[in-house]
C-alpha atoms as a PDB file:
ATOM      1  CA  UNK A   1      -0.003  -0.015  -0.034  1.00  0.00           C
ATOM      2  CA  UNK A   2       1.555   3.268  -1.145  1.00  0.00           C
ATOM      3  CA  UNK A   3       0.525   6.459   0.407  1.00  0.00           C
ATOM      4  CA  UNK A   4       1.443   9.724  -1.414  1.00  0.00           C
ATOM      5  CA  UNK A   5       0.461  13.303  -1.823  1.00  0.00           C
ATOM      6  CA  UNK A   6      -0.376  15.147  -5.087  1.00  0.00           C
ATOM      7  CA  UNK A   7      -1.267  18.462  -6.231  1.00  0.00           C
ATOM      8  CA  UNK A   8      -2.932  18.127  -9.722  1.00  0.00           C
ATOM      9  CA  UNK A   9      -3.550  21.373 -11.571  1.00  0.00           C
ATOM     10  CA  UNK A  10      -7.105  22.425 -11.857  1.00  0.00           C
ATOM     11  CA  UNK A  11      -8.370  21.790 -15.337  1.00  0.00           C
ATOM     12  CA  UNK A  12     -11.465  23.892 -15.685  1.00  0.00           C
ATOM     13  CA  UNK A  13     -13.683  25.701 -18.153  1.00  0.00           C
ATOM     14  CA  UNK A  14     -12.993  29.235 -19.612  1.00  0.00           C
ATOM     15  CA  UNK A  15     -12.920  32.010 -16.985  1.00  0.00           C
ATOM     16  CA  UNK A  16     -16.147  33.503 -18.422  1.00  0.00           C
ATOM     17  CA  UNK A  17     -18.093  30.444 -17.644  1.00  0.00           C
ATOM     18  CA  UNK A  18     -16.480  29.693 -14.291  1.00  0.00           C
ATOM     19  CA  UNK A  19     -16.972  28.330 -11.360  1.00  0.00           C
ATOM     20  CA  UNK A  20     -13.505  26.970 -12.197  1.00  0.00           C
ATOM     21  CA  UNK A  21     -10.417  28.599 -12.806  1.00  0.00           C
ATOM     22  CA  UNK A  22      -6.748  27.597 -12.864  1.00  0.00           C
ATOM     23  CA  UNK A  23      -5.331  26.908  -9.536  1.00  0.00           C
ATOM     24  CA  UNK A  24      -2.487  28.884  -8.236  1.00  0.00           C
ATOM     25  CA  UNK A  25      -2.210  26.969  -5.023  1.00  0.00           C
ATOM     26  CA  UNK A  26       1.098  25.124  -4.098  1.00  0.00           C
ATOM     27  CA  UNK A  27      -0.194  22.938  -1.403  1.00  0.00           C
ATOM     28  CA  UNK A  28       0.479  19.259  -1.381  1.00  0.00           C
ATOM     29  CA  UNK A  29      -3.225  18.497  -2.144  1.00  0.00           C
ATOM     30  CA  UNK A  30      -5.269  15.452  -1.180  1.00  0.00           C
ATOM     31  CA  UNK A  31      -3.920  12.287   0.440  1.00  0.00           C
ATOM     32  CA  UNK A  32      -3.812   9.356  -1.950  1.00  0.00           C
ATOM     33  CA  UNK A  33      -3.734   5.825  -0.912  1.00  0.00           C
ATOM     34  CA  UNK A  34      -2.833   3.258  -3.658  1.00  0.00           C
ATOM     35  CA  UNK A  35      -3.615  -0.229  -2.911  1.00  0.00           C
ATOM     36  CA  UNK A  36      -1.220  -2.922  -3.966  1.00  0.00           C
ATOM     37  CA  UNK A  37      -2.452  -5.495  -6.400  1.00  0.00           C
ATOM     38  CA  UNK A  38      -2.571  -7.954  -3.559  1.00  0.00           C
ATOM     39  CA  UNK A  39      -4.664  -5.577  -1.373  1.00  0.00           C
ATOM     40  CA  UNK A  40      -7.022  -4.978  -4.438  1.00  0.00           C
ATOM     41  CA  UNK A  41      -7.618  -8.711  -4.734  1.00  0.00           C
ATOM     42  CA  UNK A  42      -8.408  -8.894  -0.970  1.00  0.00           C
ATOM     43  CA  UNK A  43     -10.939  -6.201  -1.451  1.00  0.00           C
ATOM     44  CA  UNK A  44     -12.247  -8.128  -4.612  1.00  0.00           C
ATOM     45  CA  UNK A  45     -12.833 -11.189  -2.478  1.00  0.00           C
ATOM     46  CA  UNK A  46     -14.736  -9.320  -0.016  1.00  0.00           C
ATOM     47  CA  UNK A  47     -16.976  -7.698  -2.696  1.00  0.00           C
ATOM     48  CA  UNK A  48     -17.359 -10.879  -4.589  1.00  0.00           C
ATOM     49  CA  UNK A  49     -18.880 -12.619  -1.445  1.00  0.00           C
ATOM     50  CA  UNK A  50     -21.181  -9.730  -1.008  1.00  0.00           C
ATOM     51  CA  UNK A  51     -22.612 -10.185  -4.764  1.00  0.00           C
ATOM     52  CA  UNK A  52     -24.362 -13.242  -3.481  1.00  0.00           C
ATOM     53  CA  UNK A  53     -24.834 -12.456   0.291  1.00  0.00           C
ATOM     54  CA  UNK A  54     -28.434 -12.665   1.283  1.00  0.00           C
ATOM     55  CA  UNK A  55     -29.438 -12.710  -2.339  1.00  0.00           C
ATOM     56  CA  UNK A  56     -27.288  -9.760  -3.320  1.00  0.00           C
ATOM     57  CA  UNK A  57     -29.956  -7.087  -2.966  1.00  0.00           C
ATOM     58  CA  UNK A  58     -28.054  -4.031  -2.047  1.00  0.00           C
ATOM     59  CA  UNK A  59     -30.907  -2.135  -0.230  1.00  0.00           C
ATOM     60  CA  UNK A  60     -31.996  -4.821   1.966  1.00  0.00           C
ATOM     61  CA  UNK A  61     -31.272  -4.711   5.738  1.00  0.00           C
ATOM     62  CA  UNK A  62     -29.959  -8.109   5.631  1.00  0.00           C
ATOM     63  CA  UNK A  63     -27.230  -7.256   2.832  1.00  0.00           C
ATOM     64  CA  UNK A  64     -26.264  -4.307   4.737  1.00  0.00           C
ATOM     65  CA  UNK A  65     -25.886  -6.343   7.825  1.00  0.00           C
ATOM     66  CA  UNK A  66     -23.784  -8.823   5.927  1.00  0.00           C
ATOM     67  CA  UNK A  67     -21.635  -5.802   4.428  1.00  0.00           C
ATOM     68  CA  UNK A  68     -20.955  -4.386   7.971  1.00  0.00           C
ATOM     69  CA  UNK A  69     -19.396  -7.856   8.885  1.00  0.00           C
ATOM     70  CA  UNK A  70     -17.563  -8.161   5.676  1.00  0.00           C
ATOM     71  CA  UNK A  71     -15.910  -4.712   5.949  1.00  0.00           C
ATOM     72  CA  UNK A  72     -13.682  -5.887   8.807  1.00  0.00           C
ATOM     73  CA  UNK A  73     -12.041  -8.282   6.308  1.00  0.00           C
ATOM     74  CA  UNK A  74     -10.687  -5.365   4.104  1.00  0.00           C
ATOM     75  CA  UNK A  75      -7.009  -4.872   4.144  1.00  0.00           C
ATOM     76  CA  UNK A  76      -5.695  -3.728   7.497  1.00  0.00           C
ATOM     77  CA  UNK A  77      -3.781  -0.809   5.967  1.00  0.00           C
ATOM     78  CA  UNK A  78      -6.892   0.498   4.227  1.00  0.00           C
ATOM     79  CA  UNK A  79      -8.883   0.423   7.530  1.00  0.00           C
ATOM     80  CA  UNK A  80      -6.199   2.149   9.516  1.00  0.00           C
ATOM     81  CA  UNK A  81      -6.078   4.993   6.836  1.00  0.00           C
ATOM     82  CA  UNK A  82      -9.880   5.340   6.772  1.00  0.00           C
ATOM     83  CA  UNK A  83      -9.968   5.514  10.707  1.00  0.00           C
ATOM     84  CA  UNK A  84      -7.345   8.270  10.466  1.00  0.00           C
ATOM     85  CA  UNK A  85      -9.326  10.160   7.944  1.00  0.00           C
ATOM     86  CA  UNK A  86     -12.457   9.855  10.023  1.00  0.00           C
ATOM     87  CA  UNK A  87     -10.414  11.304  12.889  1.00  0.00           C
ATOM     88  CA  UNK A  88      -8.983  14.144  10.911  1.00  0.00           C
ATOM     89  CA  UNK A  89      -9.571  14.664   7.167  1.00  0.00           C
ATOM     90  CA  UNK A  90      -6.671  16.820   6.961  1.00  0.00           C
ATOM     91  CA  UNK A  91      -6.525  20.251   5.244  1.00  0.00           C
ATOM     92  CA  UNK A  92      -8.324  19.215   1.949  1.00  0.00           C
ATOM     93  CA  UNK A  93     -10.964  17.009   3.546  1.00  0.00           C
ATOM     94  CA  UNK A  94     -10.416  14.420   0.604  1.00  0.00           C
ATOM     95  CA  UNK A  95      -9.034  10.981   0.689  1.00  0.00           C
ATOM     96  CA  UNK A  96      -8.390   9.276  -2.832  1.00  0.00           C
ATOM     97  CA  UNK A  97      -8.197   5.465  -2.738  1.00  0.00           C
ATOM     98  CA  UNK A  98      -6.872   4.073  -5.771  1.00  0.00           C
ATOM     99  CA  UNK A  99      -6.793   0.503  -7.408  1.00  0.00           C
ATOM    100  CA  UNK A 100     -10.036  -0.822  -6.018  1.00  0.00           C
ATOM    101  CA  UNK A 101     -11.673  -3.569  -7.960  1.00  0.00           C
ATOM    102  CA  UNK A 102     -14.200  -3.048 -10.767  1.00  0.00           C
ATOM    103  CA  UNK A 103     -15.828  -5.455 -13.125  1.00  0.00           C
ATOM    104  CA  UNK A 104     -13.514  -6.497 -15.947  1.00  0.00           C
ATOM    105  CA  UNK A 105     -16.535  -6.539 -18.414  1.00  0.00           C
ATOM    106  CA  UNK A 106     -18.851  -3.617 -17.774  1.00  0.00           C
ATOM    107  CA  UNK A 107     -22.157  -3.119 -19.449  1.00  0.00           C
ATOM    108  CA  UNK A 108     -22.749   0.067 -21.369  1.00  0.00           C
ATOM    109  CA  UNK A 109     -22.833   3.155 -19.302  1.00  0.00           C
ATOM    110  CA  UNK A 110     -26.453   3.774 -18.377  1.00  0.00           C
ATOM    111  CA  UNK A 111     -28.209   6.672 -20.177  1.00  0.00           C
ATOM    112  CA  UNK A 112     -31.595   6.681 -18.205  1.00  0.00           C
ATOM    113  CA  UNK A 113     -32.560   9.215 -15.468  1.00  0.00           C
ATOM    114  CA  UNK A 114     -32.249   7.855 -11.915  1.00  0.00           C
ATOM    115  CA  UNK A 115     -30.024   4.965 -12.767  1.00  0.00           C
ATOM    116  CA  UNK A 116     -28.804   2.962  -9.660  1.00  0.00           C
ATOM    117  CA  UNK A 117     -27.370  -0.400  -8.559  1.00  0.00           C
ATOM    118  CA  UNK A 118     -29.904  -2.643  -6.888  1.00  0.00           C
ATOM    119  CA  UNK A 119     -27.996  -5.813  -7.292  1.00  0.00           C
ATOM    120  CA  UNK A 120     -24.521  -5.997  -5.664  1.00  0.00           C
ATOM    121  CA  UNK A 121     -21.630  -5.814  -8.107  1.00  0.00           C
ATOM    122  CA  UNK A 122     -17.990  -5.929  -7.338  1.00  0.00           C
ATOM    123  CA  UNK A 123     -17.547  -2.271  -7.672  1.00  0.00           C
ATOM    124  CA  UNK A 124     -20.794  -1.436  -5.781  1.00  0.00           C
ATOM    125  CA  UNK A 125     -20.079  -3.644  -2.902  1.00  0.00           C
ATOM    126  CA  UNK A 126     -16.413  -2.334  -2.646  1.00  0.00           C
ATOM    127  CA  UNK A 127     -17.433   1.220  -2.265  1.00  0.00           C
ATOM    128  CA  UNK A 128     -20.222   0.247   0.347  1.00  0.00           C
ATOM    129  CA  UNK A 129     -17.587  -1.788   2.386  1.00  0.00           C
ATOM    130  CA  UNK A 130     -15.167   1.054   2.324  1.00  0.00           C
ATOM    131  CA  UNK A 131     -17.841   3.791   3.296  1.00  0.00           C
ATOM    132  CA  UNK A 132     -19.005   1.436   6.223  1.00  0.00           C
ATOM    133  CA  UNK A 133     -15.523   1.997   7.720  1.00  0.00           C
ATOM    134  CA  UNK A 134     -16.640   5.614   8.056  1.00  0.00           C
ATOM    135  CA  UNK A 135     -20.270   5.433   9.291  1.00  0.00           C
ATOM    136  CA  UNK A 136     -23.677   4.202   8.351  1.00  0.00           C
ATOM    137  CA  UNK A 137     -24.524   4.080   4.577  1.00  0.00           C
ATOM    138  CA  UNK A 138     -27.564   6.274   3.953  1.00  0.00           C
ATOM    139  CA  UNK A 139     -29.757   7.413   0.933  1.00  0.00           C
ATOM    140  CA  UNK A 140     -32.715   9.810   0.411  1.00  0.00           C
ATOM    141  CA  UNK A 141     -36.154   8.717  -0.739  1.00  0.00           C
ATOM    142  CA  UNK A 142     -36.452  11.797  -2.953  1.00  0.00           C
ATOM    143  CA  UNK A 143     -33.292  11.128  -4.660  1.00  0.00           C
ATOM    144  CA  UNK A 144     -33.017   8.072  -7.090  1.00  0.00           C
ATOM    145  CA  UNK A 145     -35.681   6.268  -5.298  1.00  0.00           C
ATOM    146  CA  UNK A 146     -33.659   5.808  -2.034  1.00  0.00           C
ATOM    147  CA  UNK A 147     -30.995   3.486  -3.709  1.00  0.00           C
ATOM    148  CA  UNK A 148     -27.895   3.067  -1.565  1.00  0.00           C
ATOM    149  CA  UNK A 149     -25.542   2.746  -4.609  1.00  0.00           C
ATOM    150  CA  UNK A 150     -26.253   5.449  -7.196  1.00  0.00           C
ATOM    151  CA  UNK A 151     -25.002   5.987 -10.675  1.00  0.00           C
ATOM    152  CA  UNK A 152     -23.591   9.227 -11.643  1.00  0.00           C
ATOM    153  CA  UNK A 153     -23.816   9.420 -15.519  1.00  0.00           C
ATOM    154  CA  UNK A 154     -24.740  12.017 -18.047  1.00  0.00           C
ATOM    155  CA  UNK A 155     -28.372  11.647 -19.264  1.00  0.00           C
ATOM    156  CA  UNK A 156     -29.682  12.903 -22.594  1.00  0.00           C
ATOM    157  CA  UNK A 157     -31.858  16.000 -22.297  1.00  0.00           C
ATOM    158  CA  UNK A 158     -30.299  16.712 -18.894  1.00  0.00           C
ATOM    159  CA  UNK A 159     -27.090  18.338 -20.229  1.00  0.00           C
ATOM    160  CA  UNK A 160     -27.538  21.642 -18.810  1.00  0.00           C
ATOM    161  CA  UNK A 161     -28.883  20.727 -15.339  1.00  0.00           C
ATOM    162  CA  UNK A 162     -27.015  21.464 -12.128  1.00  0.00           C
ATOM    163  CA  UNK A 163     -27.341  17.859 -11.033  1.00  0.00           C
ATOM    164  CA  UNK A 164     -25.372  14.471 -11.409  1.00  0.00           C
ATOM    165  CA  UNK A 165     -27.149  13.851 -14.649  1.00  0.00           C
ATOM    166  CA  UNK A 166     -25.739  16.986 -16.331  1.00  0.00           C
ATOM    167  CA  UNK A 167     -22.570  17.552 -18.238  1.00  0.00           C
ATOM    168  CA  UNK A 168     -22.192  21.332 -18.020  1.00  0.00           C
ATOM    169  CA  UNK A 169     -19.900  22.626 -15.193  1.00  0.00           C
ATOM    170  CA  UNK A 170     -21.285  21.554 -11.803  1.00  0.00           C
ATOM    171  CA  UNK A 171     -20.938  24.413  -9.530  1.00  0.00           C
ATOM    172  CA  UNK A 172     -19.025  23.720  -6.068  1.00  0.00           C
ATOM    173  CA  UNK A 173     -21.431  22.429  -3.407  1.00  0.00           C
ATOM    174  CA  UNK A 174     -21.989  20.729  -0.153  1.00  0.00           C
ATOM    175  CA  UNK A 175     -23.821  17.571  -0.972  1.00  0.00           C
ATOM    176  CA  UNK A 176     -27.384  18.020  -0.179  1.00  0.00           C
ATOM    177  CA  UNK A 177     -26.726  21.423   1.448  1.00  0.00           C
ATOM    178  CA  UNK A 178     -30.448  22.058   1.870  1.00  0.00           C
ATOM    179  CA  UNK A 179     -31.082  18.939   3.960  1.00  0.00           C
ATOM    180  CA  UNK A 180     -30.812  18.980   7.754  1.00  0.00           C
ATOM    181  CA  UNK A 181     -29.336  15.373   7.651  1.00  0.00           C
ATOM    182  CA  UNK A 182     -26.995  15.640   4.838  1.00  0.00           C
ATOM    183  CA  UNK A 183     -24.249  13.032   4.531  1.00  0.00           C
ATOM    184  CA  UNK A 184     -21.104  13.455   6.450  1.00  0.00           C
ATOM    185  CA  UNK A 185     -19.175  11.621   3.851  1.00  0.00           C
ATOM    186  CA  UNK A 186     -19.586  11.288   0.068  1.00  0.00           C
ATOM    187  CA  UNK A 187     -17.778   8.457  -1.751  1.00  0.00           C
ATOM    188  CA  UNK A 188     -17.501   8.904  -5.675  1.00  0.00           C
ATOM    189  CA  UNK A 189     -16.027   5.748  -7.323  1.00  0.00           C
ATOM    190  CA  UNK A 190     -15.191   5.628 -10.972  1.00  0.00           C
ATOM    191  CA  UNK A 191     -16.006   2.512 -12.918  1.00  0.00           C
ATOM    192  CA  UNK A 192     -15.426   3.978 -16.422  1.00  0.00           C
ATOM    193  CA  UNK A 193     -13.374   7.117 -17.024  1.00  0.00           C
ATOM    194  CA  UNK A 194     -14.591   9.886 -19.332  1.00  0.00           C
ATOM    195  CA  UNK A 195     -13.299   8.907 -22.886  1.00  0.00           C
ATOM    196  CA  UNK A 196     -12.919  12.597 -23.828  1.00  0.00           C
ATOM    197  CA  UNK A 197     -10.502  13.194 -20.739  1.00  0.00           C
ATOM    198  CA  UNK A 198     -12.389  16.359 -19.904  1.00  0.00           C
ATOM    199  CA  UNK A 199     -14.319  15.452 -17.065  1.00  0.00           C
ATOM    200  CA  UNK A 200     -12.736  16.356 -13.797  1.00  0.00           C
ATOM    201  CA  UNK A 201     -13.937  15.977  -9.938  1.00  0.00           C
ATOM    202  CA  UNK A 202     -13.054  19.406  -8.329  1.00  0.00           C
ATOM    203  CA  UNK A 203     -12.759  19.925  -4.768  1.00  0.00           C
ATOM    204  CA  UNK A 204     -12.039  22.841  -2.332  1.00  0.00           C
ATOM    205  CA  UNK A 205     -11.719  22.906   1.373  1.00  0.00           C
ATOM    206  CA  UNK A 206     -12.914  25.513   3.895  1.00  0.00           C
ATOM    207  CA  UNK A 207      -9.856  24.951   5.946  1.00  0.00           C
ATOM    208  CA  UNK A 208      -7.798  26.063   2.938  1.00  0.00           C
ATOM    209  CA  UNK A 209      -9.943  29.147   2.290  1.00  0.00           C
ATOM    210  CA  UNK A 210     -10.720  30.369   5.745  1.00  0.00           C
ATOM    211  CA  UNK A 211      -7.245  32.086   6.552  1.00  0.00           C
ATOM    212  CA  UNK A 212      -7.817  34.257   3.506  1.00  0.00           C
ATOM    213  CA  UNK A 213     -11.434  35.259   4.245  1.00  0.00           C
ATOM    214  CA  UNK A 214     -11.918  38.744   5.533  1.00  0.00           C
ATOM    215  CA  UNK A 215     -13.218  39.140   9.038  1.00  0.00           C
ATOM    216  CA  UNK A 216     -16.327  40.952   7.788  1.00  0.00           C
ATOM    217  CA  UNK A 217     -17.342  38.137   5.330  1.00  0.00           C
ATOM    218  CA  UNK A 218     -16.590  35.489   7.940  1.00  0.00           C
ATOM    219  CA  UNK A 219     -19.010  37.251  10.394  1.00  0.00           C
ATOM    220  CA  UNK A 220     -21.631  37.498   7.624  1.00  0.00           C
ATOM    221  CA  UNK A 221     -21.136  33.876   6.607  1.00  0.00           C
ATOM    222  CA  UNK A 222     -21.712  32.813  10.107  1.00  0.00           C
ATOM    223  CA  UNK A 223     -25.011  34.278  10.531  1.00  0.00           C
ATOM    224  CA  UNK A 224     -28.317  32.872   9.235  1.00  0.00           C
ATOM    225  CA  UNK A 225     -28.548  35.077   6.202  1.00  0.00           C
ATOM    226  CA  UNK A 226     -28.794  32.427   3.448  1.00  0.00           C
ATOM    227  CA  UNK A 227     -31.326  29.991   2.073  1.00  0.00           C
ATOM    228  CA  UNK A 228     -30.576  26.939  -0.157  1.00  0.00           C
ATOM    229  CA  UNK A 229     -33.055  25.179  -2.434  1.00  0.00           C
ATOM    230  CA  UNK A 230     -33.074  21.511  -3.103  1.00  0.00           C
ATOM    231  CA  UNK A 231     -31.289  20.335  -6.415  1.00  0.00           C
ATOM    232  CA  UNK A 232     -33.366  19.121  -9.499  1.00  0.00           C
ATOM    233  CA  UNK A 233     -32.404  15.480  -8.623  1.00  0.00           C
ATOM    234  CA  UNK A 234     -34.703  15.646  -5.618  1.00  0.00           C
ATOM    235  CA  UNK A 235     -37.648  16.809  -7.793  1.00  0.00           C
ATOM    236  CA  UNK A 236     -38.239  19.807  -5.545  1.00  0.00           C
ATOM    237  CA  UNK A 237     -39.666  20.044  -2.135  1.00  0.00           C
ATOM    238  CA  UNK A 238     -42.753  21.666  -0.703  1.00  0.00           C
ATOM    239  CA  UNK A 239     -42.464  24.606   1.860  1.00  0.00           C
ATOM    240  CA  UNK A 240     -40.038  27.424   2.189  1.00  0.00           C
ATOM    241  CA  UNK A 241     -36.381  26.856   2.737  1.00  0.00           C
ATOM    242  CA  UNK A 242     -35.246  27.933   6.325  1.00  0.00           C
ATOM    243  CA  UNK A 243     -32.441  30.451   6.683  1.00  0.00           C
ATOM    244  CA  UNK A 244     -29.120  29.128   7.549  1.00  0.00           C
ATOM    245  CA  UNK A 245     -25.467  30.230   8.120  1.00  0.00           C
ATOM    246  CA  UNK A 246     -22.861  29.159   5.698  1.00  0.00           C
ATOM    247  CA  UNK A 247     -20.114  28.713   8.268  1.00  0.00           C
ATOM    248  CA  UNK A 248     -20.930  27.148  11.522  1.00  0.00           C
ATOM    249  CA  UNK A 249     -19.525  25.196  14.498  1.00  0.00           C
ATOM    250  CA  UNK A 250     -16.098  26.198  15.705  1.00  0.00           C
ATOM    251  CA  UNK A 251     -15.129  29.743  14.839  1.00  0.00           C
ATOM    252  CA  UNK A 252     -11.586  28.479  14.324  1.00  0.00           C
ATOM    253  CA  UNK A 253     -12.196  25.412  12.262  1.00  0.00           C
ATOM    254  CA  UNK A 254     -15.926  25.728  10.932  1.00  0.00           C
ATOM    255  CA  UNK A 255     -18.078  23.587   8.988  1.00  0.00           C
ATOM    256  CA  UNK A 256     -19.235  24.747   5.709  1.00  0.00           C
ATOM    257  CA  UNK A 257     -22.788  24.408   4.151  1.00  0.00           C
ATOM    258  CA  UNK A 258     -23.181  25.947   0.644  1.00  0.00           C
ATOM    259  CA  UNK A 259     -24.397  25.147  -2.830  1.00  0.00           C
ATOM    260  CA  UNK A 260     -23.277  27.944  -5.351  1.00  0.00           C
ATOM    261  CA  UNK A 261     -26.102  26.970  -7.699  1.00  0.00           C
ATOM    262  CA  UNK A 262     -28.676  26.964  -5.084  1.00  0.00           C
ATOM    263  CA  UNK A 263     -27.714  28.950  -1.991  1.00  0.00           C
ATOM    264  CA  UNK A 264     -29.064  32.600  -1.999  1.00  0.00           C
ATOM    265  CA  UNK A 265     -28.086  35.506   0.333  1.00  0.00           C
ATOM    266  CA  UNK A 266     -30.686  37.488   1.939  1.00  0.00           C
ATOM    267  CA  UNK A 267     -28.808  40.889   1.770  1.00  0.00           C
ATOM    268  CA  UNK A 268     -26.109  42.599   0.044  1.00  0.00           C
ATOM    269  CA  UNK A 269     -23.557  42.141   2.602  1.00  0.00           C
ATOM    270  CA  UNK A 270     -24.304  38.439   2.695  1.00  0.00           C
ATOM    271  CA  UNK A 271     -24.005  38.495  -1.126  1.00  0.00           C
ATOM    272  CA  UNK A 272     -20.709  40.095  -1.088  1.00  0.00           C
ATOM    273  CA  UNK A 273     -19.461  37.569   1.619  1.00  0.00           C
ATOM    274  CA  UNK A 274     -20.729  34.602  -0.530  1.00  0.00           C
ATOM    275  CA  UNK A 275     -18.861  35.984  -3.652  1.00  0.00           C
ATOM    276  CA  UNK A 276     -15.748  36.358  -1.661  1.00  0.00           C
ATOM    277  CA  UNK A 277     -15.907  32.647  -0.442  1.00  0.00           C
ATOM    278  CA  UNK A 278     -16.665  31.495  -3.971  1.00  0.00           C
ATOM    279  CA  UNK A 279     -13.685  33.147  -5.423  1.00  0.00           C
ATOM    280  CA  UNK A 280     -11.452  31.689  -2.694  1.00  0.00           C
ATOM    281  CA  UNK A 281     -12.699  28.210  -3.326  1.00  0.00           C
ATOM    282  CA  UNK A 282     -11.879  28.734  -6.973  1.00  0.00           C
ATOM    283  CA  UNK A 283      -8.328  29.884  -6.133  1.00  0.00           C
ATOM    284  CA  UNK A 284      -7.805  26.931  -3.717  1.00  0.00           C
ATOM    285  CA  UNK A 285      -9.552  24.223  -5.804  1.00  0.00           C
ATOM    286  CA  UNK A 286      -7.997  20.962  -7.054  1.00  0.00           C
ATOM    287  CA  UNK A 287      -9.160  18.793 -10.158  1.00  0.00           C
ATOM    288  CA  UNK A 288      -8.954  15.196 -10.356  1.00  0.00           C
ATOM    289  CA  UNK A 289      -9.275  12.927 -13.209  1.00  0.00           C
ATOM    290  CA  UNK A 290     -10.605   9.842 -11.969  1.00  0.00           C
ATOM    291  CA  UNK A 291      -9.603   6.511 -13.523  1.00  0.00           C
ATOM    292  CA  UNK A 292     -11.492   3.175 -12.916  1.00  0.00           C
ATOM    293  CA  UNK A 293     -11.067   1.803  -9.529  1.00  0.00           C
ATOM    294  CA  UNK A 294     -10.426   5.472  -7.942  1.00  0.00           C
ATOM    295  CA  UNK A 295     -12.663   6.233  -5.043  1.00  0.00           C
ATOM    296  CA  UNK A 296     -12.831   9.899  -4.021  1.00  0.00           C
ATOM    297  CA  UNK A 297     -13.939  10.256  -0.211  1.00  0.00           C
ATOM    298  CA  UNK A 298     -14.987  13.738   0.777  1.00  0.00           C
ATOM    299  CA  UNK A 299     -15.599  15.094   4.264  1.00  0.00           C
ATOM    300  CA  UNK A 300     -18.958  16.828   3.302  1.00  0.00           C
ATOM    301  CA  UNK A 301     -18.547  18.980   6.252  1.00  0.00           C
ATOM    302  CA  UNK A 302     -15.432  20.642   5.215  1.00  0.00           C
ATOM    303  CA  UNK A 303     -15.066  20.039   1.441  1.00  0.00           C
ATOM    304  CA  UNK A 304     -17.260  21.288  -1.374  1.00  0.00           C
ATOM    305  CA  UNK A 305     -17.009  19.640  -4.798  1.00  0.00           C
ATOM    306  CA  UNK A 306     -18.191  20.167  -8.432  1.00  0.00           C
ATOM    307  CA  UNK A 307     -17.242  18.934 -12.014  1.00  0.00           C
ATOM    308  CA  UNK A 308     -15.791  20.419 -15.123  1.00  0.00           C
ATOM    309  CA  UNK A 309     -17.757  20.376 -18.174  1.00  0.00           C
ATOM    310  CA  UNK A 310     -17.562  17.567 -20.709  1.00  0.00           C
ATOM    311  CA  UNK A 311     -19.133  16.398 -23.821  1.00  0.00           C
ATOM    312  CA  UNK A 312     -21.047  13.107 -23.396  1.00  0.00           C
ATOM    313  CA  UNK A 313     -21.336  10.649 -26.428  1.00  0.00           C
ATOM    314  CA  UNK A 314     -24.352   8.586 -25.086  1.00  0.00           C
ATOM    315  CA  UNK A 315     -22.858   5.621 -26.904  1.00  0.00           C
ATOM    316  CA  UNK A 316     -22.309   3.434 -23.762  1.00  0.00           C
ATOM    317  CA  UNK A 317     -18.705   4.649 -23.323  1.00  0.00           C
ATOM    318  CA  UNK A 318     -19.347   7.832 -21.188  1.00  0.00           C
ATOM    319  CA  UNK A 319     -18.045   8.538 -17.629  1.00  0.00           C
ATOM    320  CA  UNK A 320     -19.608   6.306 -14.952  1.00  0.00           C
ATOM    321  CA  UNK A 321     -19.355   6.864 -11.319  1.00  0.00           C
ATOM    322  CA  UNK A 322     -20.860   5.133  -8.257  1.00  0.00           C
ATOM    323  CA  UNK A 323     -21.952   7.290  -5.343  1.00  0.00           C
ATOM    324  CA  UNK A 324     -22.516   6.321  -1.846  1.00  0.00           C
ATOM    325  CA  UNK A 325     -23.258   8.393   1.232  1.00  0.00           C
ATOM    326  CA  UNK A 326     -22.239   7.772   4.819  1.00  0.00           C
ATOM    327  CA  UNK A 327     -23.421   9.370   8.196  1.00  0.00           C
ATOM    328  CA  UNK A 328     -21.316   9.374  11.301  1.00  0.00           C
ATOM    329  CA  UNK A 329     -24.339   9.202  13.791  1.00  0.00           C
ATOM    330  CA  UNK A 330     -27.177   6.898  12.994  1.00  0.00           C
ATOM    331  CA  UNK A 331     -29.319   8.066  15.866  1.00  0.00           C
ATOM    332  CA  UNK A 332     -29.153  11.641  14.432  1.00  0.00           C
ATOM    333  CA  UNK A 333     -30.695  10.425  11.097  1.00  0.00           C
ATOM    334  CA  UNK A 334     -33.573   8.614  12.951  1.00  0.00           C
ATOM    335  CA  UNK A 335     -35.912  11.534  12.789  1.00  0.00           C
ATOM    336  CA  UNK A 336     -35.860  11.504   8.983  1.00  0.00           C
ATOM    337  CA  UNK A 337     -35.460   7.750   8.491  1.00  0.00           C
ATOM    338  CA  UNK A 338     -38.052   5.445   7.069  1.00  0.00           C
ATOM    339  CA  UNK A 339     -38.858   2.858   9.784  1.00  0.00           C
ATOM    340  CA  UNK A 340     -35.372   3.372  11.391  1.00  0.00           C
ATOM    341  CA  UNK A 341     -33.697   2.081   8.151  1.00  0.00           C
ATOM    342  CA  UNK A 342     -30.873   3.683   5.882  1.00  0.00           C
ATOM    343  CA  UNK A 343     -33.248   5.531   3.704  1.00  0.00           C
ATOM    344  CA  UNK A 344     -34.125   9.036   4.842  1.00  0.00           C
ATOM    345  CA  UNK A 345     -36.997  11.509   3.782  1.00  0.00           C
END
C-alpha cells in the first residue's frame, strides 16, 4: 500500500463560464492511498462474497448487515487509513483511494434518469464496504428512489442541469446542502473514465480558504442570512427553505454548508461575503481525473465539490461513477429515516 500526496492542476472551463479557474495553489493537495495488487484482490474477494450474500440485494437490511461484517475483512492498512481520515480529514478533506476492484467486463454506461445499482456488483460492494468503515450508509427517498448505490452518469436531455445527470460545469457545493441530515461523507468511485478526458472531479476545502477570508465576510457567513433550495435530482420539495449560516460550528475550524447554484443571500452584505468565499474556493481548488478503481471520499462538512464540463457521447462509453453516502451518527438520522432504516426522507 503506497501513500503519497499530489497537487494536480485544476483543469477547468474558460473563466467567463467559471465556477472553475486555473489553480495557483502550491499546497500538497489531497491524500492519495494506492492499494497494492494483492490488497485490491483482497477487497475483490470481500466484494465478490457480497454479490451473493442474502440474495445480493443491496438495499435490503440483511445485505447491509452482511456488508458491515464483511468490511472488517478489508486490508488492515486501508482500514487504518480510513480510521485516520475519520478522525482528521486533513486540510483538504479528501482521501483518494486508488486501485479498488471493478468489473472486467462492464455493460454500457446507463443513459436513463435515476440509474442505480439494486443488485450488488464488485465495484458497488467495494464502495459500500469502504464507506461503512466511516459511518452508516444512507440514502434519500426523494433522490434516485432511495437506492444506496447510485450511478452518476450523463443523461440525454439533462445536459444543462446542475445535477449529477448534467454535463455542464457543476458548481461547487456541499452535498445535499439544503437537508438537515446531509451526509457526513460522500464517496465517488469511478468504474469507467470519461473517454474525452475532460471531466474532472473538483474539490476545495474551507480549511484552505478560511485563512484568506476577510473578518467581515466571515462574520456574515456565520449568521443565518442564506437559504438553499433543493437540487433538481430531488424533484423539488414543498415549503419555504429555512435560513441558515454558511459557516457554523467552531469559529477556528468551521463546517461549511453551501451550494453555489442553489444558496441565495438574503441581503447585500451576505451576497458580497458569499462571492468572496466562492472566489477563494476557486483559487484553492484541485481537479482530479478519476480512472477506474479510483474512489474519492469527501468530508462533506469541510469540502465542497463540483465537476468540469465535458461532452457526453451517449454511446455506452461515457463516464460512470458510483456514489454512496455515509453518516457518522445513525441516531441523528432517525428523525428523518423510514422505519429506522438507511433511507431518509
